[in-house]
Amino acid sequence: MAVLNYHHLRYFWMIANEGSLTRAARRLNVSPSSLSIQLKTLEEQLGQALFERHGRSLQLTEAGRIALGYADALFKLGDEFVSTLEGLRPDARQTLRVGAVSTLSRNFQIELLRPLFGRADVEVIIQSGTFLELLSRLRDHRLDIVLANQPAMQDQDEDWQSTLIAEQSVSLIGAPGLKRRKFRFPQDLASIGVAAPNRGSGIRNAFDELLEAEGVRPAFVAEIDDMAMLRLIAREGFCLVLVPPVVVLDELANGTLKEHWTFPKIKEAFYAVTRRRQFPSPLLKMLDLRRRQI
């Protein structure tokens, strides 16, 4: 059996991703005619046509789509391999690339990543975004781990690992003096404004269902996805805020804020999502991903 020429395979991979032999040649800094010869050599070696011409465009054949799938996996694994081995050098400064959904508590993130902070040989890069955006970066090896409030759904093409690290009941939190007497649920919602996560979030959906069952329609003064902003609004003291207590941990400890009501059945979950890899980041072993109380 002939040995696969990976140089030719990369040329094919570039053509497939660019969708044009001319654009691929420009990216690779070779002539289109030279690139065409390399592609033909690969096709002859494999005994399969990888592209069909439709006018000026190239479209993958069935064999081409199969080849592209293998090429994607090979080159991603190669990039991961090089990156990992560079990190294993005795003199290397290791980097952990973390994605965190914008709705996730900063306090939770800090607590989980604390073992890595302050180390001279470790750099932690944290990127925020939507859950789907971060999963895409994790798939493309631009992230090592994603912190989220939901698990990744399994599918045929991805091998996600979702670890439930913690979950916490949410509460209505506000300034201690917001009510002169003890807060009553749901009666007092008629006279106090509420700030909550946007509709569509797990917390908000469960809260809305509870309100519907109680026949109550509070005045929502703000609907915000960013937990850090909800924390700031709670500190302003003019309304109640629906958040997990971990979001305002310091304020609860020093008495600036108070839990006026807790909903034991409405919980915020905290997940760590990774992808099965041949060479996972060694720094992941330093994080305690066991389930915990918060």
C-alpha atoms as a PDB file:
ATOM      1  CA  MET A   1       0.000   0.000   0.000  1.00  0.00           C
ATOM      2  CA  ALA A   2       1.339   3.449  -0.949  1.00  0.00           C
ATOM      3  CA  VAL A   3       2.356   5.809   1.856  1.00  0.00           C
ATOM      4  CA  LEU A   4       0.135   8.884   2.144  1.00  0.00           C
ATOM      5  CA  ASN A   5       1.863  12.117   1.181  1.00  0.00           C
ATOM      6  CA  TYR A   6       0.767  14.580   3.872  1.00  0.00           C
ATOM      7  CA  HIS A   7       2.159  17.495   1.877  1.00  0.00           C
ATOM      8  CA  HIS A   8      -0.275  16.709  -0.928  1.00  0.00           C
ATOM      9  CA  LEU A   9      -3.066  16.163   1.600  1.00  0.00           C
ATOM     10  CA  ARG A  10      -2.572  19.639   3.043  1.00  0.00           C
ATOM     11  CA  TYR A  11      -2.766  21.123  -0.422  1.00  0.00           C
ATOM     12  CA  PHE A  12      -6.068  19.305  -0.964  1.00  0.00           C
ATOM     13  CA  TRP A  13      -7.302  20.482   2.442  1.00  0.00           C
ATOM     14  CA  MET A  14      -6.510  24.093   1.594  1.00  0.00           C
ATOM     15  CA  ILE A  15      -8.302  23.877  -1.768  1.00  0.00           C
ATOM     16  CA  ALA A  16     -11.367  22.352  -0.105  1.00  0.00           C
ATOM     17  CA  ASN A  17     -11.492  25.047   2.569  1.00  0.00           C
ATOM     18  CA  GLU A  18     -10.915  27.910   0.146  1.00  0.00           C
ATOM     19  CA  GLY A  19     -13.354  26.499  -2.408  1.00  0.00           C
ATOM     20  CA  SER A  20     -11.067  27.620  -5.190  1.00  0.00           C
ATOM     21  CA  LEU A  21      -7.771  26.397  -6.559  1.00  0.00           C
ATOM     22  CA  THR A  22      -6.697  29.970  -7.329  1.00  0.00           C
ATOM     23  CA  ARG A  23      -7.390  31.244  -3.800  1.00  0.00           C
ATOM     24  CA  ALA A  24      -5.672  28.218  -2.279  1.00  0.00           C
ATOM     25  CA  ALA A  25      -2.613  28.774  -4.471  1.00  0.00           C
ATOM     26  CA  ARG A  26      -2.471  32.389  -3.312  1.00  0.00           C
ATOM     27  CA  ARG A  27      -2.669  31.296   0.353  1.00  0.00           C
ATOM     28  CA  LEU A  28       0.043  28.671  -0.159  1.00  0.00           C
ATOM     29  CA  ASN A  29       2.225  30.992  -2.247  1.00  0.00           C
ATOM     30  CA  VAL A  30       2.464  28.534  -5.142  1.00  0.00           C
ATOM     31  CA  SER A  31       1.270  28.724  -8.732  1.00  0.00           C
ATOM     32  CA  PRO A  32      -2.204  27.363  -9.585  1.00  0.00           C
ATOM     33  CA  SER A  33      -0.668  25.015 -12.155  1.00  0.00           C
ATOM     34  CA  SER A  34       1.732  23.550  -9.586  1.00  0.00           C
ATOM     35  CA  LEU A  35      -1.114  23.125  -7.096  1.00  0.00           C
ATOM     36  CA  SER A  36      -3.229  21.406  -9.749  1.00  0.00           C
ATOM     37  CA  ILE A  37      -0.429  18.916 -10.421  1.00  0.00           C
ATOM     38  CA  GLN A  38      -0.090  18.152  -6.693  1.00  0.00           C
ATOM     39  CA  LEU A  39      -3.846  17.559  -6.437  1.00  0.00           C
ATOM     40  CA  LYS A  40      -3.828  15.259  -9.436  1.00  0.00           C
ATOM     41  CA  THR A  41      -0.954  13.277  -7.922  1.00  0.00           C
ATOM     42  CA  LEU A  42      -2.947  12.782  -4.712  1.00  0.00           C
ATOM     43  CA  GLU A  43      -6.048  11.702  -6.627  1.00  0.00           C
ATOM     44  CA  GLU A  44      -4.013   9.169  -8.605  1.00  0.00           C
ATOM     45  CA  GLN A  45      -2.491   7.812  -5.413  1.00  0.00           C
ATOM     46  CA  LEU A  46      -5.924   7.439  -3.796  1.00  0.00           C
ATOM     47  CA  GLY A  47      -7.555   6.167  -6.965  1.00  0.00           C
ATOM     48  CA  GLN A  48     -10.448   8.597  -6.485  1.00  0.00           C
ATOM     49  CA  ALA A  49     -11.451  11.970  -7.897  1.00  0.00           C
ATOM     50  CA  LEU A  50     -11.736  14.414  -4.995  1.00  0.00           C
ATOM     51  CA  PHE A  51     -13.376  17.323  -6.836  1.00  0.00           C
ATOM     52  CA  GLU A  52     -15.864  17.883  -9.622  1.00  0.00           C
ATOM     53  CA  ARG A  53     -15.765  21.049 -11.713  1.00  0.00           C
ATOM     54  CA  HIS A  54     -18.961  23.083 -12.022  1.00  0.00           C
ATOM     55  CA  GLY A  55     -18.130  26.089 -14.138  1.00  0.00           C
ATOM     56  CA  ARG A  56     -15.347  27.904 -12.329  1.00  0.00           C
ATOM     57  CA  SER A  57     -16.077  26.338  -8.974  1.00  0.00           C
ATOM     58  CA  LEU A  58     -14.879  23.075  -7.462  1.00  0.00           C
ATOM     59  CA  GLN A  59     -17.216  20.803  -5.528  1.00  0.00           C
ATOM     60  CA  LEU A  60     -16.167  17.872  -3.394  1.00  0.00           C
ATOM     61  CA  THR A  61     -17.067  14.402  -4.573  1.00  0.00           C
ATOM     62  CA  GLU A  62     -18.237  11.814  -2.064  1.00  0.00           C
ATOM     63  CA  ALA A  63     -14.642  10.606  -1.808  1.00  0.00           C
ATOM     64  CA  GLY A  64     -13.555  14.224  -1.379  1.00  0.00           C
ATOM     65  CA  ARG A  65     -15.927  14.757   1.546  1.00  0.00           C
ATOM     66  CA  ILE A  66     -14.564  11.631   3.220  1.00  0.00           C
ATOM     67  CA  ALA A  67     -10.996  12.796   2.604  1.00  0.00           C
ATOM     68  CA  LEU A  68     -11.770  16.251   4.009  1.00  0.00           C
ATOM     69  CA  GLY A  69     -13.171  14.739   7.202  1.00  0.00           C
ATOM     70  CA  TYR A  70     -10.003  12.733   7.749  1.00  0.00           C
ATOM     71  CA  ALA A  71      -7.799  15.704   6.821  1.00  0.00           C
ATOM     72  CA  ASP A  72      -9.607  17.959   9.323  1.00  0.00           C
ATOM     73  CA  ALA A  73      -9.085  15.399  12.080  1.00  0.00           C
ATOM     74  CA  LEU A  74      -5.433  14.804  11.192  1.00  0.00           C
ATOM     75  CA  PHE A  75      -4.415  18.444  11.048  1.00  0.00           C
ATOM     76  CA  LYS A  76      -6.327  19.419  14.181  1.00  0.00           C
ATOM     77  CA  LEU A  77      -4.707  16.533  16.032  1.00  0.00           C
ATOM     78  CA  GLY A  78      -1.330  17.644  14.702  1.00  0.00           C
ATOM     79  CA  ASP A  79      -1.856  21.219  15.913  1.00  0.00           C
ATOM     80  CA  GLU A  80      -2.961  19.946  19.306  1.00  0.00           C
ATOM     81  CA  PHE A  81       0.041  17.600  19.464  1.00  0.00           C
ATOM     82  CA  VAL A  82       2.551  20.368  18.734  1.00  0.00           C
ATOM     83  CA  SER A  83       0.871  22.760  21.181  1.00  0.00           C
ATOM     84  CA  THR A  84       0.848  20.141  23.935  1.00  0.00           C
ATOM     85  CA  LEU A  85       4.463  19.098  23.479  1.00  0.00           C
ATOM     86  CA  GLU A  86       5.560  22.736  23.475  1.00  0.00           C
ATOM     87  CA  GLY A  87       3.782  23.091  26.818  1.00  0.00           C
ATOM     88  CA  LEU A  88       5.631  20.075  28.216  1.00  0.00           C
ATOM     89  CA  ARG A  89       9.054  21.612  27.717  1.00  0.00           C
ATOM     90  CA  PRO A  90      10.737  22.242  31.089  1.00  0.00           C
ATOM     91  CA  ASP A  91      11.181  25.918  30.245  1.00  0.00           C
ATOM     92  CA  ALA A  92       7.722  26.402  28.749  1.00  0.00           C
ATOM     93  CA  ARG A  93       5.099  28.672  30.277  1.00  0.00           C
ATOM     94  CA  GLN A  94       1.845  26.758  30.021  1.00  0.00           C
ATOM     95  CA  THR A  95      -1.412  28.394  28.992  1.00  0.00           C
ATOM     96  CA  LEU A  96      -4.963  27.341  29.810  1.00  0.00           C
ATOM     97  CA  ARG A  97      -7.571  28.823  27.483  1.00  0.00           C
ATOM     98  CA  VAL A  98     -10.925  29.083  29.238  1.00  0.00           C
ATOM     99  CA  GLY A  99     -14.269  30.029  27.729  1.00  0.00           C
ATOM    100  CA  ALA A 100     -17.002  31.263  30.078  1.00  0.00           C
ATOM    101  CA  VAL A 101     -20.547  32.093  29.078  1.00  0.00           C
ATOM    102  CA  SER A 102     -21.378  35.713  29.815  1.00  0.00           C
ATOM    103  CA  THR A 103     -24.192  34.747  32.201  1.00  0.00           C
ATOM    104  CA  LEU A 104     -21.937  32.747  34.521  1.00  0.00           C
ATOM    105  CA  SER A 105     -21.002  34.018  37.984  1.00  0.00           C
ATOM    106  CA  ARG A 106     -17.538  35.591  38.147  1.00  0.00           C
ATOM    107  CA  ASN A 107     -17.195  34.376  41.729  1.00  0.00           C
ATOM    108  CA  PHE A 108     -17.708  30.791  40.580  1.00  0.00           C
ATOM    109  CA  GLN A 109     -15.112  31.204  37.831  1.00  0.00           C
ATOM    110  CA  ILE A 110     -12.544  32.639  40.238  1.00  0.00           C
ATOM    111  CA  GLU A 111     -13.094  29.851  42.761  1.00  0.00           C
ATOM    112  CA  LEU A 112     -12.658  27.118  40.134  1.00  0.00           C
ATOM    113  CA  LEU A 113      -9.557  28.657  38.519  1.00  0.00           C
ATOM    114  CA  ARG A 114      -7.902  29.780  41.776  1.00  0.00           C
ATOM    115  CA  PRO A 115      -5.278  26.937  41.786  1.00  0.00           C
ATOM    116  CA  LEU A 116      -3.782  28.372  38.589  1.00  0.00           C
ATOM    117  CA  PHE A 117      -3.681  32.052  39.515  1.00  0.00           C
ATOM    118  CA  GLY A 118      -0.433  33.527  40.757  1.00  0.00           C
ATOM    119  CA  ARG A 119       1.785  30.817  39.257  1.00  0.00           C
ATOM    120  CA  ALA A 120       4.784  32.158  37.350  1.00  0.00           C
ATOM    121  CA  ASP A 121       4.713  29.212  34.936  1.00  0.00           C
ATOM    122  CA  VAL A 122       1.002  29.430  34.063  1.00  0.00           C
ATOM    123  CA  GLU A 123      -1.046  31.913  32.079  1.00  0.00           C
ATOM    124  CA  VAL A 124      -4.864  31.755  32.166  1.00  0.00           C
ATOM    125  CA  ILE A 125      -6.719  33.280  29.225  1.00  0.00           C
ATOM    126  CA  ILE A 126     -10.470  33.746  29.766  1.00  0.00           C
ATOM    127  CA  GLN A 127     -12.792  34.473  26.857  1.00  0.00           C
ATOM    128  CA  SER A 128     -16.510  35.194  27.151  1.00  0.00           C
ATOM    129  CA  GLY A 129     -19.268  34.604  24.638  1.00  0.00           C
ATOM    130  CA  THR A 130     -22.408  32.647  23.958  1.00  0.00           C
ATOM    131  CA  PHE A 131     -22.465  28.936  24.663  1.00  0.00           C
ATOM    132  CA  LEU A 132     -22.498  27.980  20.965  1.00  0.00           C
ATOM    133  CA  GLU A 133     -19.654  30.391  20.151  1.00  0.00           C
ATOM    134  CA  LEU A 134     -17.499  28.914  22.905  1.00  0.00           C
ATOM    135  CA  LEU A 135     -18.248  25.323  21.877  1.00  0.00           C
ATOM    136  CA  SER A 136     -17.120  26.202  18.363  1.00  0.00           C
ATOM    137  CA  ARG A 137     -13.813  27.522  19.737  1.00  0.00           C
ATOM    138  CA  LEU A 138     -13.446  24.391  21.883  1.00  0.00           C
ATOM    139  CA  ARG A 139     -14.045  22.231  18.803  1.00  0.00           C
ATOM    140  CA  ASP A 140     -11.353  24.139  16.884  1.00  0.00           C
ATOM    141  CA  HIS A 141      -8.785  23.787  19.701  1.00  0.00           C
ATOM    142  CA  ARG A 142      -8.889  27.512  20.477  1.00  0.00           C
ATOM    143  CA  LEU A 143     -10.151  26.694  23.991  1.00  0.00           C
ATOM    144  CA  ASP A 144      -9.271  23.945  26.467  1.00  0.00           C
ATOM    145  CA  ILE A 145     -12.430  24.125  28.588  1.00  0.00           C
ATOM    146  CA  VAL A 146     -15.789  25.903  28.604  1.00  0.00           C
ATOM    147  CA  LEU A 147     -17.559  26.949  31.808  1.00  0.00           C
ATOM    148  CA  ALA A 148     -21.318  27.129  31.347  1.00  0.00           C
ATOM    149  CA  ASN A 149     -24.699  26.796  33.020  1.00  0.00           C
ATOM    150  CA  GLN A 150     -25.804  23.955  30.762  1.00  0.00           C
ATOM    151  CA  PRO A 151     -24.307  20.729  29.387  1.00  0.00           C
ATOM    152  CA  ALA A 152     -23.291  20.260  25.762  1.00  0.00           C
ATOM    153  CA  MET A 153     -25.692  18.066  23.839  1.00  0.00           C
ATOM    154  CA  GLN A 154     -24.066  14.949  22.436  1.00  0.00           C
ATOM    155  CA  ASP A 155     -24.169  14.374  18.696  1.00  0.00           C
ATOM    156  CA  GLN A 156     -22.573  12.029  16.196  1.00  0.00           C
ATOM    157  CA  ASP A 157     -19.790  14.424  15.238  1.00  0.00           C
ATOM    158  CA  GLU A 158     -18.632  15.619  18.649  1.00  0.00           C
ATOM    159  CA  ASP A 159     -17.487  13.868  21.790  1.00  0.00           C
ATOM    160  CA  TRP A 160     -18.225  16.423  24.492  1.00  0.00           C
ATOM    161  CA  GLN A 161     -17.669  15.754  28.181  1.00  0.00           C
ATOM    162  CA  SER A 162     -19.981  17.797  30.430  1.00  0.00           C
ATOM    163  CA  THR A 163     -19.208  17.664  34.148  1.00  0.00           C
ATOM    164  CA  LEU A 164     -21.721  19.054  36.629  1.00  0.00           C
ATOM    165  CA  ILE A 165     -19.508  20.847  39.136  1.00  0.00           C
ATOM    166  CA  ALA A 166     -22.154  22.470  41.310  1.00  0.00           C
ATOM    167  CA  GLU A 167     -25.695  23.742  41.453  1.00  0.00           C
ATOM    168  CA  GLN A 168     -27.284  26.325  43.705  1.00  0.00           C
ATOM    169  CA  SER A 169     -30.826  27.461  44.427  1.00  0.00           C
ATOM    170  CA  VAL A 170     -31.572  31.002  43.290  1.00  0.00           C
ATOM    171  CA  SER A 171     -32.878  33.762  45.525  1.00  0.00           C
ATOM    172  CA  LEU A 172     -34.449  37.184  45.447  1.00  0.00           C
ATOM    173  CA  ILE A 173     -31.670  39.368  46.778  1.00  0.00           C
ATOM    174  CA  GLY A 174     -31.694  43.049  47.685  1.00  0.00           C
ATOM    175  CA  ALA A 175     -30.691  45.670  50.192  1.00  0.00           C
ATOM    176  CA  PRO A 176     -31.525  44.795  53.829  1.00  0.00           C
ATOM    177  CA  GLY A 177     -33.715  47.885  54.175  1.00  0.00           C
ATOM    178  CA  LEU A 178     -35.726  47.273  51.035  1.00  0.00           C
ATOM    179  CA  LYS A 179     -38.605  45.974  53.194  1.00  0.00           C
ATOM    180  CA  ARG A 180     -39.325  47.213  56.726  1.00  0.00           C
ATOM    181  CA  ARG A 181     -40.892  43.895  57.617  1.00  0.00           C
ATOM    182  CA  LYS A 182     -40.127  40.356  56.534  1.00  0.00           C
ATOM    183  CA  PHE A 183     -40.603  39.770  52.824  1.00  0.00           C
ATOM    184  CA  ARG A 184     -43.670  37.767  51.841  1.00  0.00           C
ATOM    185  CA  PHE A 185     -43.822  35.779  48.614  1.00  0.00           C
ATOM    186  CA  PRO A 186     -45.630  36.322  46.327  1.00  0.00           C
ATOM    187  CA  GLN A 187     -47.658  39.196  47.859  1.00  0.00           C
ATOM    188  CA  ASP A 188     -44.825  41.717  48.126  1.00  0.00           C
ATOM    189  CA  LEU A 189     -43.878  41.384  44.454  1.00  0.00           C
ATOM    190  CA  ALA A 190     -46.812  43.650  43.686  1.00  0.00           C
ATOM    191  CA  SER A 191     -44.977  46.597  45.240  1.00  0.00           C
ATOM    192  CA  ILE A 192     -41.276  45.831  44.595  1.00  0.00           C
ATOM    193  CA  GLY A 193     -39.517  45.820  41.243  1.00  0.00           C
ATOM    194  CA  VAL A 194     -37.518  42.786  40.123  1.00  0.00           C
ATOM    195  CA  ALA A 195     -34.386  42.500  37.952  1.00  0.00           C
ATOM    196  CA  ALA A 196     -33.860  39.056  36.446  1.00  0.00           C
ATOM    197  CA  PRO A 197     -32.070  37.177  33.665  1.00  0.00           C
ATOM    198  CA  ASN A 198     -33.601  37.492  30.208  1.00  0.00           C
ATOM    199  CA  ARG A 199     -36.465  35.299  29.069  1.00  0.00           C
ATOM    200  CA  GLY A 200     -35.229  31.993  27.706  1.00  0.00           C
ATOM    201  CA  SER A 201     -32.660  31.311  30.427  1.00  0.00           C
ATOM    202  CA  GLY A 202     -33.248  28.316  32.679  1.00  0.00           C
ATOM    203  CA  ILE A 203     -33.592  30.471  35.792  1.00  0.00           C
ATOM    204  CA  ARG A 204     -36.030  32.885  34.188  1.00  0.00           C
ATOM    205  CA  ASN A 205     -38.180  30.136  32.644  1.00  0.00           C
ATOM    206  CA  ALA A 206     -38.579  28.395  36.012  1.00  0.00           C
ATOM    207  CA  PHE A 207     -39.305  31.711  37.762  1.00  0.00           C
ATOM    208  CA  ASP A 208     -41.943  32.672  35.188  1.00  0.00           C
ATOM    209  CA  GLU A 209     -43.638  29.281  35.562  1.00  0.00           C
ATOM    210  CA  LEU A 210     -43.771  29.752  39.334  1.00  0.00           C
ATOM    211  CA  LEU A 211     -45.227  33.247  38.972  1.00  0.00           C
ATOM    212  CA  GLU A 212     -47.814  31.947  36.528  1.00  0.00           C
ATOM    213  CA  ALA A 213     -48.871  29.279  39.018  1.00  0.00           C
ATOM    214  CA  GLU A 214     -49.146  31.919  41.769  1.00  0.00           C
ATOM    215  CA  GLY A 215     -51.070  34.294  39.515  1.00  0.00           C
ATOM    216  CA  VAL A 216     -48.564  37.109  40.070  1.00  0.00           C
ATOM    217  CA  ARG A 217     -47.141  39.578  37.552  1.00  0.00           C
ATOM    218  CA  PRO A 218     -44.325  41.585  39.129  1.00  0.00           C
ATOM    219  CA  ALA A 219     -42.844  44.697  37.578  1.00  0.00           C
ATOM    220  CA  PHE A 220     -39.587  43.690  35.893  1.00  0.00           C
ATOM    221  CA  VAL A 221     -37.384  46.765  36.042  1.00  0.00           C
ATOM    222  CA  ALA A 222     -34.514  45.094  34.165  1.00  0.00           C
ATOM    223  CA  GLU A 223     -33.849  41.904  32.212  1.00  0.00           C
ATOM    224  CA  ILE A 224     -30.130  41.205  31.888  1.00  0.00           C
ATOM    225  CA  ASP A 225     -28.050  38.172  30.873  1.00  0.00           C
ATOM    226  CA  ASP A 226     -24.837  39.417  32.496  1.00  0.00           C
ATOM    227  CA  MET A 227     -24.608  38.248  36.122  1.00  0.00           C
ATOM    228  CA  ALA A 228     -22.007  40.908  36.887  1.00  0.00           C
ATOM    229  CA  MET A 229     -24.486  43.615  35.881  1.00  0.00           C
ATOM    230  CA  LEU A 230     -27.241  41.997  37.962  1.00  0.00           C
ATOM    231  CA  ARG A 231     -24.848  42.132  40.901  1.00  0.00           C
ATOM    232  CA  LEU A 232     -24.303  45.858  40.397  1.00  0.00           C
ATOM    233  CA  ILE A 233     -28.048  46.472  40.162  1.00  0.00           C
ATOM    234  CA  ALA A 234     -28.588  44.576  43.413  1.00  0.00           C
ATOM    235  CA  ARG A 235     -26.040  46.850  45.094  1.00  0.00           C
ATOM    236  CA  GLU A 236     -27.974  49.934  43.935  1.00  0.00           C
ATOM    237  CA  GLY A 237     -30.689  48.879  46.374  1.00  0.00           C
ATOM    238  CA  PHE A 238     -33.835  49.917  44.490  1.00  0.00           C
ATOM    239  CA  CYS A 239     -35.158  46.444  43.574  1.00  0.00           C
ATOM    240  CA  LEU A 240     -34.856  42.716  44.148  1.00  0.00           C
ATOM    241  CA  VAL A 241     -32.580  40.696  41.901  1.00  0.00           C
ATOM    242  CA  LEU A 242     -33.076  37.042  40.938  1.00  0.00           C
ATOM    243  CA  VAL A 243     -29.636  35.382  41.082  1.00  0.00           C
ATOM    244  CA  PRO A 244     -27.772  32.478  42.688  1.00  0.00           C
ATOM    245  CA  PRO A 245     -26.246  33.737  45.969  1.00  0.00           C
ATOM    246  CA  VAL A 246     -22.719  32.922  44.716  1.00  0.00           C
ATOM    247  CA  VAL A 247     -23.039  35.952  42.413  1.00  0.00           C
ATOM    248  CA  VAL A 248     -23.138  38.317  45.413  1.00  0.00           C
ATOM    249  CA  LEU A 249     -21.124  36.260  47.878  1.00  0.00           C
ATOM    250  CA  ASP A 250     -19.080  39.161  49.262  1.00  0.00           C
ATOM    251  CA  GLU A 251     -22.088  41.453  49.652  1.00  0.00           C
ATOM    252  CA  LEU A 252     -24.036  38.802  51.561  1.00  0.00           C
ATOM    253  CA  ALA A 253     -21.055  38.201  53.828  1.00  0.00           C
ATOM    254  CA  ASN A 254     -20.601  41.875  54.728  1.00  0.00           C
ATOM    255  CA  GLY A 255     -24.318  42.613  55.058  1.00  0.00           C
ATOM    256  CA  THR A 256     -24.594  44.955  52.087  1.00  0.00           C
ATOM    257  CA  LEU A 257     -27.205  42.629  50.583  1.00  0.00           C
ATOM    258  CA  LYS A 258     -29.668  40.126  51.987  1.00  0.00           C
ATOM    259  CA  GLU A 259     -31.501  37.046  50.741  1.00  0.00           C
ATOM    260  CA  HIS A 260     -35.150  38.015  51.009  1.00  0.00           C
ATOM    261  CA  TRP A 261     -36.517  34.763  49.546  1.00  0.00           C
ATOM    262  CA  THR A 262     -35.021  31.469  48.335  1.00  0.00           C
ATOM    263  CA  PHE A 263     -36.489  29.125  45.712  1.00  0.00           C
ATOM    264  CA  PRO A 264     -35.186  25.612  46.513  1.00  0.00           C
ATOM    265  CA  LYS A 265     -36.627  24.141  43.299  1.00  0.00           C
ATOM    266  CA  ILE A 266     -35.099  26.743  40.958  1.00  0.00           C
ATOM    267  CA  LYS A 267     -31.444  25.925  40.577  1.00  0.00           C
ATOM    268  CA  GLU A 268     -28.565  27.316  38.566  1.00  0.00           C
ATOM    269  CA  ALA A 269     -26.198  24.600  37.354  1.00  0.00           C
ATOM    270  CA  PHE A 270     -22.466  25.057  36.786  1.00  0.00           C
ATOM    271  CA  TYR A 271     -20.807  22.821  34.186  1.00  0.00           C
ATOM    272  CA  ALA A 272     -17.297  22.301  32.876  1.00  0.00           C
ATOM    273  CA  VAL A 273     -17.370  21.213  29.225  1.00  0.00           C
ATOM    274  CA  THR A 274     -14.343  19.633  27.579  1.00  0.00           C
ATOM    275  CA  ARG A 275     -13.768  17.519  24.492  1.00  0.00           C
ATOM    276  CA  ARG A 276     -12.133  14.122  24.452  1.00  0.00           C
ATOM    277  CA  ARG A 277      -8.639  14.636  23.096  1.00  0.00           C
ATOM    278  CA  GLN A 278      -5.561  12.569  22.598  1.00  0.00           C
ATOM    279  CA  PHE A 279      -3.489  15.299  24.262  1.00  0.00           C
ATOM    280  CA  PRO A 280      -5.608  17.298  26.739  1.00  0.00           C
ATOM    281  CA  SER A 281      -4.034  20.273  28.480  1.00  0.00           C
ATOM    282  CA  PRO A 282      -2.057  19.083  31.536  1.00  0.00           C
ATOM    283  CA  LEU A 283      -3.380  22.117  33.425  1.00  0.00           C
ATOM    284  CA  LEU A 284      -6.892  20.641  33.464  1.00  0.00           C
ATOM    285  CA  LYS A 285      -5.671  18.105  36.015  1.00  0.00           C
ATOM    286  CA  MET A 286      -4.988  20.966  38.423  1.00  0.00           C
ATOM    287  CA  LEU A 287      -8.646  22.004  38.453  1.00  0.00           C
ATOM    288  CA  ASP A 288     -10.998  20.328  40.898  1.00  0.00           C
ATOM    289  CA  LEU A 289     -13.908  19.339  38.657  1.00  0.00           C
ATOM    290  CA  ARG A 290     -15.616  17.239  41.300  1.00  0.00           C
ATOM    291  CA  ARG A 291     -19.132  18.218  42.296  1.00  0.00           C
ATOM    292  CA  ARG A 292     -19.161  20.622  45.237  1.00  0.00           C
ATOM    293  CA  GLN A 293     -21.418  22.706  47.441  1.00  0.00           C
ATOM    294  CA  ILE A 294     -21.449  26.467  46.837  1.00  0.00           C
END
